[in-house]
Protein backbone atom coordinates (compact mmCIF):
# COMPACT_ATOMS: atom_id res chain seq x y z
CA MET A 1 52.87 -197.73 -213.84
CA THR A 2 49.41 -199.20 -214.42
CA ARG A 3 48.47 -199.33 -218.09
CA ALA A 4 45.01 -197.94 -217.53
CA ALA A 5 45.57 -194.91 -215.35
CA GLY A 6 49.30 -194.29 -215.29
CA ILE A 7 49.36 -194.52 -211.49
CA ALA A 8 52.49 -195.86 -209.88
CA GLU A 9 51.97 -199.22 -208.24
CA PRO A 10 53.31 -199.81 -204.73
CA ALA A 11 56.55 -201.75 -204.61
CA ARG A 12 55.98 -205.46 -204.08
CA ALA A 13 58.01 -207.24 -201.46
CA MET A 14 60.18 -209.90 -203.03
CA PRO A 15 59.64 -213.37 -201.57
CA PRO A 16 62.55 -214.54 -199.40
CA HIS A 17 65.02 -216.97 -200.89
CA PRO A 18 64.70 -220.59 -199.76
CA PRO A 19 67.28 -221.68 -197.19
CA PRO A 20 70.60 -222.66 -198.81
CA THR A 21 70.19 -226.41 -198.49
CA LEU A 22 72.94 -228.81 -199.46
CA ALA A 23 71.11 -229.63 -202.72
CA ILE A 24 70.94 -225.92 -203.64
CA ARG A 25 74.63 -225.38 -202.85
CA LEU A 26 75.67 -228.43 -204.86
CA ARG A 27 73.53 -227.38 -207.82
CA HIS A 28 75.06 -223.88 -207.73
CA TRP A 29 78.57 -225.34 -207.65
CA ARG A 30 77.76 -227.77 -210.47
CA ASN A 31 76.29 -225.01 -212.68
CA ARG A 32 79.37 -222.85 -212.17
CA GLN A 33 81.63 -225.70 -213.23
CA ILE A 34 79.60 -226.65 -216.30
CA ALA A 35 79.46 -223.00 -217.38
CA SER A 36 83.24 -222.77 -217.27
CA PRO A 37 84.99 -223.36 -220.65
CA ARG A 38 88.12 -224.49 -218.77
CA PHE A 39 86.16 -227.18 -216.90
CA ARG A 40 84.53 -228.40 -220.13
CA ARG A 41 87.93 -228.67 -221.83
CA LEU A 42 89.20 -230.71 -218.89
CA MET A 43 86.21 -233.05 -219.01
CA SER A 44 86.63 -233.57 -222.76
CA ARG A 45 89.94 -235.33 -222.06
CA LEU A 46 88.34 -237.99 -219.84
CA PRO A 47 86.55 -240.81 -221.75
CA ILE A 48 83.53 -241.23 -219.45
CA ALA A 49 83.13 -237.49 -218.87
CA ARG A 50 83.49 -236.91 -222.62
CA TRP A 51 80.67 -239.40 -223.31
CA ILE A 52 78.39 -237.65 -220.80
CA ALA A 53 79.30 -234.22 -222.17
CA ASN A 54 78.60 -235.29 -225.75
CA ARG A 55 75.22 -236.72 -224.73
CA LYS A 56 74.29 -233.46 -223.00
CA ALA A 57 75.50 -231.46 -226.02
CA ASN A 58 73.34 -233.57 -228.33
CA GLN A 59 70.32 -233.00 -226.09
CA LEU A 60 70.91 -229.25 -226.15
CA PHE A 61 71.32 -229.26 -229.93
CA ARG A 62 68.02 -231.15 -230.30
CA LEU A 63 66.35 -228.24 -228.53
CA THR A 64 68.10 -225.76 -230.81
CA ALA A 65 67.21 -227.72 -233.95
CA GLY A 66 63.69 -228.63 -232.87
CA PHE A 67 61.99 -226.10 -235.13
CA ILE A 68 63.92 -227.39 -238.15
CA HIS A 69 62.90 -230.95 -237.33
CA SER A 70 59.24 -229.93 -237.07
CA GLN A 71 59.44 -228.22 -240.47
CA ILE A 72 60.90 -231.35 -242.09
CA LEU A 73 58.00 -233.37 -240.68
CA GLY A 74 55.50 -230.74 -241.81
CA SER A 75 56.86 -230.69 -245.37
CA CYS A 76 56.70 -234.48 -245.56
CA VAL A 77 53.00 -234.31 -244.66
CA ARG A 78 52.09 -231.34 -246.84
CA LEU A 79 53.89 -232.73 -249.89
CA GLY A 80 52.22 -236.11 -249.43
CA LEU A 81 55.49 -238.04 -249.02
CA PHE A 82 54.10 -240.47 -246.44
CA ASP A 83 51.01 -241.09 -248.59
CA GLN A 84 53.24 -241.93 -251.54
CA LEU A 85 55.16 -244.47 -249.47
CA ALA A 86 52.17 -245.93 -247.64
CA GLU A 87 51.70 -248.81 -250.08
CA GLY A 88 55.38 -249.63 -250.55
CA GLY A 89 58.73 -248.22 -251.63
CA ARG A 90 59.46 -245.64 -254.33
CA THR A 91 62.52 -244.29 -256.08
CA THR A 92 63.75 -240.72 -255.69
CA ASP A 93 62.64 -239.83 -259.22
CA ALA A 94 59.15 -241.26 -258.70
CA LEU A 95 58.77 -239.36 -255.43
CA ALA A 96 60.10 -236.16 -257.00
CA GLU A 97 57.46 -236.36 -259.72
CA ALA A 98 54.67 -237.15 -257.25
CA CYS A 99 55.68 -234.36 -254.85
CA GLN A 100 56.40 -231.89 -257.69
CA LEU A 101 60.01 -231.24 -256.64
CA ASP A 102 63.17 -231.41 -258.67
CA ARG A 103 65.32 -234.45 -257.96
CA GLY A 104 67.97 -232.60 -255.95
CA ARG A 105 65.48 -230.99 -253.56
CA MET A 106 63.56 -234.25 -253.25
CA LEU A 107 66.75 -236.06 -252.30
CA LEU A 108 67.54 -233.32 -249.75
CA LEU A 109 64.15 -233.81 -248.04
CA LEU A 110 64.44 -237.61 -248.15
CA GLU A 111 67.84 -237.54 -246.48
CA GLN A 112 66.61 -235.26 -243.70
CA ALA A 113 63.51 -237.41 -243.15
CA GLU A 114 65.75 -240.46 -242.92
CA ARG A 115 67.91 -238.77 -240.29
CA LEU A 116 64.79 -238.16 -238.19
CA GLY A 117 63.67 -241.79 -238.43
CA LEU A 118 60.67 -241.00 -240.62
CA ILE A 119 61.73 -242.95 -243.72
CA ARG A 120 64.47 -245.44 -244.55
CA ARG A 121 66.73 -245.97 -247.57
CA MET A 122 66.33 -249.69 -248.36
CA ALA A 123 68.58 -249.71 -251.45
CA ALA A 124 70.76 -247.26 -253.36
CA ASP A 125 67.76 -245.31 -254.64
CA PHE A 126 64.74 -246.92 -252.99
CA TRP A 127 62.87 -245.45 -250.02
CA MET A 128 60.31 -246.86 -247.59
CA LEU A 129 58.59 -245.67 -244.44
CA ASP A 130 60.32 -246.07 -241.11
CA ASP A 131 58.28 -246.67 -237.95
CA ALA A 132 57.41 -243.05 -237.19
CA GLY A 133 56.50 -242.36 -240.82
CA ALA A 134 54.25 -245.42 -240.89
CA VAL A 135 52.38 -244.11 -237.84
CA VAL A 136 51.77 -240.73 -239.50
CA ALA A 137 50.74 -242.39 -242.78
CA GLY A 138 48.22 -244.58 -240.97
CA ASP A 139 46.63 -241.86 -238.82
CA PRO A 140 44.74 -239.09 -240.66
CA GLY A 141 44.19 -237.29 -237.35
CA LEU A 142 47.90 -237.08 -236.60
CA ALA A 143 48.59 -235.77 -240.11
CA ALA A 144 45.83 -233.19 -239.67
CA MET A 145 47.38 -232.01 -236.38
CA ILE A 146 50.78 -231.65 -238.04
CA ARG A 147 49.22 -229.42 -240.71
CA HIS A 148 47.40 -227.51 -237.99
CA HIS A 149 50.72 -226.75 -236.30
CA ASP A 150 51.57 -224.21 -239.00
CA MET A 151 49.07 -221.97 -237.25
CA LEU A 152 50.62 -222.61 -233.82
CA TYR A 153 54.14 -221.87 -235.06
CA ARG A 154 53.06 -218.51 -236.46
CA ASP A 155 51.49 -217.59 -233.12
CA LEU A 156 54.56 -218.69 -231.17
CA GLY A 157 56.81 -216.64 -233.43
CA GLN A 158 56.11 -213.80 -230.99
CA LEU A 159 56.27 -215.89 -227.82
CA ASP A 160 57.96 -213.12 -225.83
CA ASP A 161 54.95 -210.87 -226.45
CA LEU A 162 52.51 -213.63 -225.51
CA LEU A 163 54.37 -214.25 -222.26
CA ARG A 164 54.30 -210.53 -221.45
CA GLY A 165 50.55 -210.50 -222.04
CA GLY A 166 50.75 -208.21 -225.04
CA ALA A 167 47.78 -208.30 -227.38
CA PRO A 168 48.44 -209.39 -230.97
CA GLU A 169 47.94 -206.73 -233.62
CA ASP A 170 44.84 -208.44 -234.98
CA VAL A 171 41.75 -207.43 -233.02
CA HIS A 172 40.63 -211.06 -232.87
CA GLY A 173 43.83 -212.23 -231.20
CA THR A 174 46.01 -215.12 -232.26
CA GLU A 175 45.28 -217.48 -235.13
CA LEU A 176 44.55 -220.26 -232.64
CA ALA A 177 42.04 -218.07 -230.81
CA ARG A 178 40.28 -217.42 -234.11
CA PHE A 179 40.37 -221.11 -235.01
CA TRP A 180 38.93 -222.33 -231.69
CA ALA A 181 35.95 -220.03 -231.91
CA TYR A 182 34.50 -220.93 -228.50
CA ALA A 183 37.72 -219.79 -226.81
CA ARG A 184 37.14 -216.16 -227.85
CA SER A 185 33.35 -215.91 -228.05
CA GLY A 186 31.38 -214.49 -225.15
CA ALA A 187 28.10 -215.98 -226.37
CA VAL A 188 29.20 -219.50 -227.30
CA THR A 189 25.67 -220.71 -227.99
CA GLY A 190 25.47 -218.12 -230.79
CA LEU A 191 28.24 -219.70 -232.85
CA ASP A 192 27.03 -220.85 -236.26
CA ALA A 193 27.92 -223.88 -238.37
CA GLU A 194 30.62 -221.99 -240.27
CA ALA A 195 32.38 -220.97 -237.04
CA VAL A 196 32.48 -224.46 -235.52
CA ALA A 197 33.20 -226.52 -238.66
CA PRO A 198 37.03 -226.18 -238.80
CA TYR A 199 37.77 -227.12 -235.20
CA SER A 200 35.05 -229.79 -235.08
CA SER A 201 36.58 -231.54 -238.08
CA LEU A 202 40.05 -231.43 -236.52
CA MET A 203 38.72 -232.82 -233.23
CA ARG A 204 36.99 -235.68 -235.02
CA LEU A 205 40.08 -236.59 -237.04
CA SER A 206 42.38 -236.44 -234.01
CA GLN A 207 40.08 -238.41 -231.71
CA ALA A 208 41.03 -241.96 -232.73
CA MET A 209 44.17 -242.37 -230.61
CA ILE A 210 42.74 -240.75 -227.49
CA ALA A 211 39.54 -242.81 -227.82
CA ASP A 212 41.58 -246.02 -227.84
CA CYS A 213 43.57 -244.74 -224.86
CA VAL A 214 40.44 -243.93 -222.80
CA LEU A 215 38.50 -247.07 -223.73
CA GLY A 216 41.52 -249.22 -222.90
CA ALA A 217 41.90 -247.71 -219.42
CA HIS A 218 38.31 -247.81 -218.15
CA ASP A 219 35.54 -250.40 -218.42
CA PHE A 220 32.50 -248.64 -219.86
CA GLY A 221 30.65 -251.94 -220.12
CA ARG A 222 29.46 -251.51 -216.53
CA TYR A 223 27.24 -248.58 -217.56
CA ARG A 224 23.83 -248.41 -219.16
CA CYS A 225 24.14 -244.95 -220.75
CA LEU A 226 27.14 -242.76 -221.62
CA LEU A 227 26.92 -238.96 -221.97
CA ASP A 228 29.88 -237.22 -223.62
CA ILE A 229 30.06 -233.53 -222.66
CA GLY A 230 31.64 -231.37 -225.35
CA GLY A 231 31.63 -234.46 -227.55
CA GLY A 232 32.08 -232.61 -230.84
CA ASP A 233 31.05 -234.62 -233.89
CA GLY A 234 30.62 -237.73 -231.76
CA ALA A 235 33.85 -239.51 -232.66
CA PHE A 236 34.39 -240.85 -229.12
CA LEU A 237 30.81 -242.10 -228.90
CA VAL A 238 31.23 -243.93 -232.22
CA ALA A 239 34.33 -245.67 -230.84
CA ALA A 240 32.55 -246.46 -227.54
CA ALA A 241 29.52 -247.82 -229.42
CA LYS A 242 31.72 -250.26 -231.35
CA ALA A 243 33.42 -251.45 -228.17
CA TYR A 244 30.16 -251.72 -226.18
CA PRO A 245 27.19 -252.58 -228.43
CA ALA A 246 24.62 -252.36 -225.60
CA LEU A 247 25.62 -248.87 -224.46
CA GLU A 248 23.11 -246.06 -224.94
CA LEU A 249 24.68 -242.84 -226.19
CA ARG A 250 24.17 -239.18 -225.32
CA LEU A 251 26.08 -236.08 -226.47
CA PHE A 252 25.96 -232.48 -225.27
CA ASP A 253 27.72 -229.64 -227.07
CA LEU A 254 27.07 -226.21 -228.55
CA PRO A 255 23.96 -226.15 -230.77
CA ALA A 256 25.89 -225.80 -234.04
CA VAL A 257 28.21 -228.66 -233.04
CA ALA A 258 25.30 -230.82 -231.86
CA ALA A 259 23.76 -230.60 -235.33
CA ARG A 260 26.98 -231.97 -236.81
CA ALA A 261 27.03 -234.75 -234.21
CA GLU A 262 23.52 -235.89 -235.14
CA ASP A 263 24.57 -236.31 -238.77
CA HIS A 264 27.81 -238.07 -237.85
CA LEU A 265 26.16 -240.54 -235.47
CA ALA A 266 23.40 -241.25 -237.98
CA ALA A 267 26.00 -241.90 -240.69
CA HIS A 268 27.43 -244.62 -238.45
CA GLY A 269 24.00 -246.20 -237.90
CA LEU A 270 23.69 -244.94 -234.33
CA ALA A 271 20.65 -242.68 -234.62
CA GLN A 272 18.42 -245.10 -232.68
CA ARG A 273 20.96 -245.54 -229.87
CA SER A 274 21.77 -241.86 -229.39
CA ARG A 275 20.32 -238.53 -228.33
CA VAL A 276 22.07 -235.22 -228.96
CA HIS A 277 21.51 -232.03 -226.96
CA GLY A 278 22.68 -228.50 -227.71
CA GLY A 279 23.56 -225.79 -225.20
CA ASP A 280 26.30 -224.19 -223.13
CA PHE A 281 27.53 -226.93 -220.80
CA GLY A 282 28.87 -224.27 -218.45
CA GLN A 283 25.38 -223.14 -217.48
CA ALA A 284 22.56 -224.97 -219.31
CA PRO A 285 20.85 -227.92 -217.58
CA ILE A 286 22.55 -231.21 -218.48
CA PRO A 287 20.46 -234.33 -219.22
CA ASP A 288 20.50 -236.57 -216.16
CA ASP A 289 19.58 -239.97 -217.63
CA ALA A 290 23.16 -241.22 -218.07
CA ASP A 291 24.99 -243.20 -215.40
CA CYS A 292 28.41 -242.22 -216.82
CA VAL A 293 29.52 -238.80 -218.07
CA THR A 294 32.79 -238.08 -219.86
CA LEU A 295 34.79 -234.87 -220.18
CA ILE A 296 37.41 -235.65 -222.81
CA ARG A 297 39.91 -232.83 -223.45
CA ILE A 298 37.39 -230.31 -222.05
CA LEU A 299 38.67 -228.98 -218.71
CA CYS A 300 42.14 -228.37 -220.15
CA ASP A 301 40.64 -225.99 -222.73
CA HIS A 302 39.32 -223.71 -219.99
CA ASP A 303 40.87 -221.47 -217.35
CA ASP A 304 40.09 -222.28 -213.71
CA GLY A 305 37.01 -220.03 -213.50
CA PRO A 306 35.15 -221.55 -216.48
CA ALA A 307 36.33 -225.05 -215.49
CA ARG A 308 34.76 -224.57 -212.05
CA ARG A 309 31.51 -223.40 -213.66
CA ILE A 310 31.40 -226.50 -215.86
CA LEU A 311 31.92 -228.85 -212.93
CA ARG A 312 29.43 -227.03 -210.69
CA ASN A 313 26.84 -227.18 -213.47
CA LEU A 314 27.45 -230.88 -213.91
CA TYR A 315 27.12 -231.47 -210.19
CA ARG A 316 23.80 -229.59 -210.12
CA SER A 317 22.44 -231.48 -213.11
CA LEU A 318 23.50 -235.09 -212.58
CA GLN A 319 21.85 -237.72 -210.44
CA PRO A 320 23.67 -238.95 -207.30
CA GLY A 321 25.84 -241.96 -208.07
CA THR A 322 26.62 -240.89 -211.64
CA GLN A 323 30.24 -241.59 -212.58
CA LEU A 324 32.28 -238.75 -214.09
CA VAL A 325 35.35 -239.60 -216.19
CA VAL A 326 37.78 -236.78 -216.96
CA ALA A 327 40.32 -237.63 -219.68
CA GLU A 328 43.04 -235.30 -220.88
CA ALA A 329 46.80 -234.87 -220.96
CA MET A 330 48.01 -234.00 -217.46
CA ALA A 331 51.28 -232.68 -216.11
CA GLY A 332 53.31 -235.21 -214.14
CA PRO A 333 56.72 -236.81 -213.59
CA SER A 334 56.65 -239.38 -216.43
CA GLU A 335 58.32 -238.53 -219.73
CA GLY A 336 55.01 -238.56 -221.59
CA ALA A 337 53.34 -236.30 -219.05
CA ARG A 338 56.29 -233.88 -219.11
CA LEU A 339 56.23 -233.71 -222.91
CA ALA A 340 52.46 -233.17 -222.90
CA ALA A 341 52.69 -230.40 -220.30
CA SER A 342 55.47 -228.64 -222.20
CA TYR A 343 53.49 -228.74 -225.44
CA PHE A 344 49.99 -227.98 -224.20
CA SER A 345 51.02 -225.22 -221.81
CA LEU A 346 52.21 -223.07 -224.71
CA TYR A 347 49.43 -224.24 -227.02
CA PHE A 348 46.84 -222.98 -224.55
CA LEU A 349 48.80 -219.75 -224.09
CA ALA A 350 48.54 -219.09 -227.83
CA MET A 351 44.91 -220.21 -227.82
CA GLY A 352 44.13 -217.71 -225.07
CA SER A 353 42.31 -220.20 -222.87
CA GLY A 354 43.04 -223.26 -220.73
CA ARG A 355 46.05 -224.88 -219.12
CA CYS A 356 47.61 -228.30 -218.59
CA ARG A 357 46.91 -229.26 -214.96
CA THR A 358 48.32 -231.95 -212.72
CA GLY A 359 46.11 -234.80 -211.66
CA SER A 360 45.95 -233.45 -208.10
CA GLU A 361 44.80 -230.04 -209.37
CA ILE A 362 41.93 -231.66 -211.26
CA GLN A 363 41.07 -233.78 -208.23
CA ASN A 364 40.85 -230.59 -206.16
CA LEU A 365 38.55 -228.97 -208.73
CA LEU A 366 36.28 -232.03 -208.67
CA SER A 367 36.17 -232.15 -204.86
CA GLU A 368 35.51 -228.42 -204.70
CA ALA A 369 32.51 -228.88 -207.02
CA GLY A 370 31.14 -231.64 -204.77
CA PHE A 371 32.20 -234.82 -206.58
CA ARG A 372 33.27 -237.68 -204.34
CA SER A 373 36.36 -239.89 -204.31
CA PRO A 374 38.19 -238.60 -207.40
CA ARG A 375 40.92 -241.11 -208.26
CA ILE A 376 43.62 -241.06 -210.91
CA VAL A 377 43.56 -243.90 -213.43
CA PRO A 378 46.75 -244.32 -215.48
CA THR A 379 46.53 -245.10 -219.19
CA SER A 380 48.86 -246.77 -221.66
CA SER A 381 49.89 -243.34 -222.98
CA PRO A 382 50.10 -240.42 -220.53
CA LEU A 383 51.28 -238.32 -223.47
CA LEU A 384 47.71 -238.53 -224.76
CA ALA A 385 45.63 -238.74 -221.60
CA THR A 386 45.32 -239.71 -217.97
CA LEU A 387 41.91 -240.42 -216.44
CA ILE A 388 40.32 -239.21 -213.24
CA VAL A 389 37.13 -240.99 -212.17
CA ALA A 390 34.81 -239.44 -209.59
CA THR A 391 31.26 -239.95 -208.31
CA ARG A 392 28.40 -237.44 -208.17
C-alpha cells in the first residue's frame, strides 16, 4: 500500500537470478559447510584448518565487539587520558586523579586501552602512549571527530528505521542532520553564524590530515590562483599557502561561513593574498579568475541531483582550461577505500544527504557536466581521500 493514498501498488517482477556459475555453486557449497556445526568440529581437529577457523572467528568477534572498542577510545578522549600521557608516562594513581576516576576503574580503562594498542604498560605501574594513542594525542582534529561520533552512534542506534526510510521522531531529523545545517536547510544562503559555527569548527580541526594527503598527491605549484569551493574556515587554503608561497587564494562558501573564513585567513596573515566570496555554490556565479578549483569533501556530502547542479554551475562559471581537483574518500578495492566506504555510507545515511561514490562514478558526473579528461590520482591514504583531476 502507498503511504500517501492507501492504494495498492502493482506487483513488481522480481529480477531473474544470475546463471548458476561454478563460482556461485562453489560459494553455496562452502557456505553450507561453514554453517554446519559438524563441519566446524571436524575442522577444529586439523591444525591448519583450526588456525584458519580461529582467525575467522577473531575477525567475526571484532565486528561484534566493535562498538565496545569505539566506546573505550571515546572515553580515553573525553577523560583526557591521551592528553595526560602526551608529555610522558604516568602512574595509575596519577592518571586516576587527573581523570577523576577511582583507581580500580582507572586501571580497568587502562587495561582495555592497552589491549586495543592505544597505550602501553612500560613498568609495573607506569603507562605511556602506544602508536595509535600518540596519533590521537597529536591530532586535535582526530580527537574532535572521536567526540563527534557520540552523535553518530545515537543516530545509528535506530539503524533499522533509517534503512527503512522511517523519519526520526524529532521534526528536524537526526542529530547529524541538525548538526550539518546545510544538509537540511532549503535556503542554505540564509543560514546564520550560529547555525554554521559548530560544523565549520569541526571541519577546520579535521582538515589537517586530508590537506597533507591532497597537497602530497598533486602539484599546486603549477597554478597561479587556487579557488577552494566549500572551503569552510579556510584551513586547506592556509595549508596550501604554506606549501606554495606564491599561490593566490580564493574561497567560496555560504555567506555566514565566508565571514568566518575571512577572519581565519587574516589571522594567518593571508588577507592580502586571498579573496573570499559568499553564496550558494550550487547556483550562484562562481569567480572565474582561478586556474585551479578544488572540491574537497564536497560532492560526497550531496546526493546525485545536488552534486550534478554543483558541477554544472562550476562548468558554466569557470574559464576553459581551468583545472578542477575533486578530493574525497571514494569506494574501491583497497582496504582503506573499503573502510572509508563502509564508514561514510552510513554516516551520510544518518546525515540525510550524500553518499560515498566510486572514482568511476565521479568521473561520469564530471564528464556529464562537460569537464574533460577526468583522471584518478591515487594518494598516500585512500582512507582519507583519492583525487580526480579534470579540465574545464
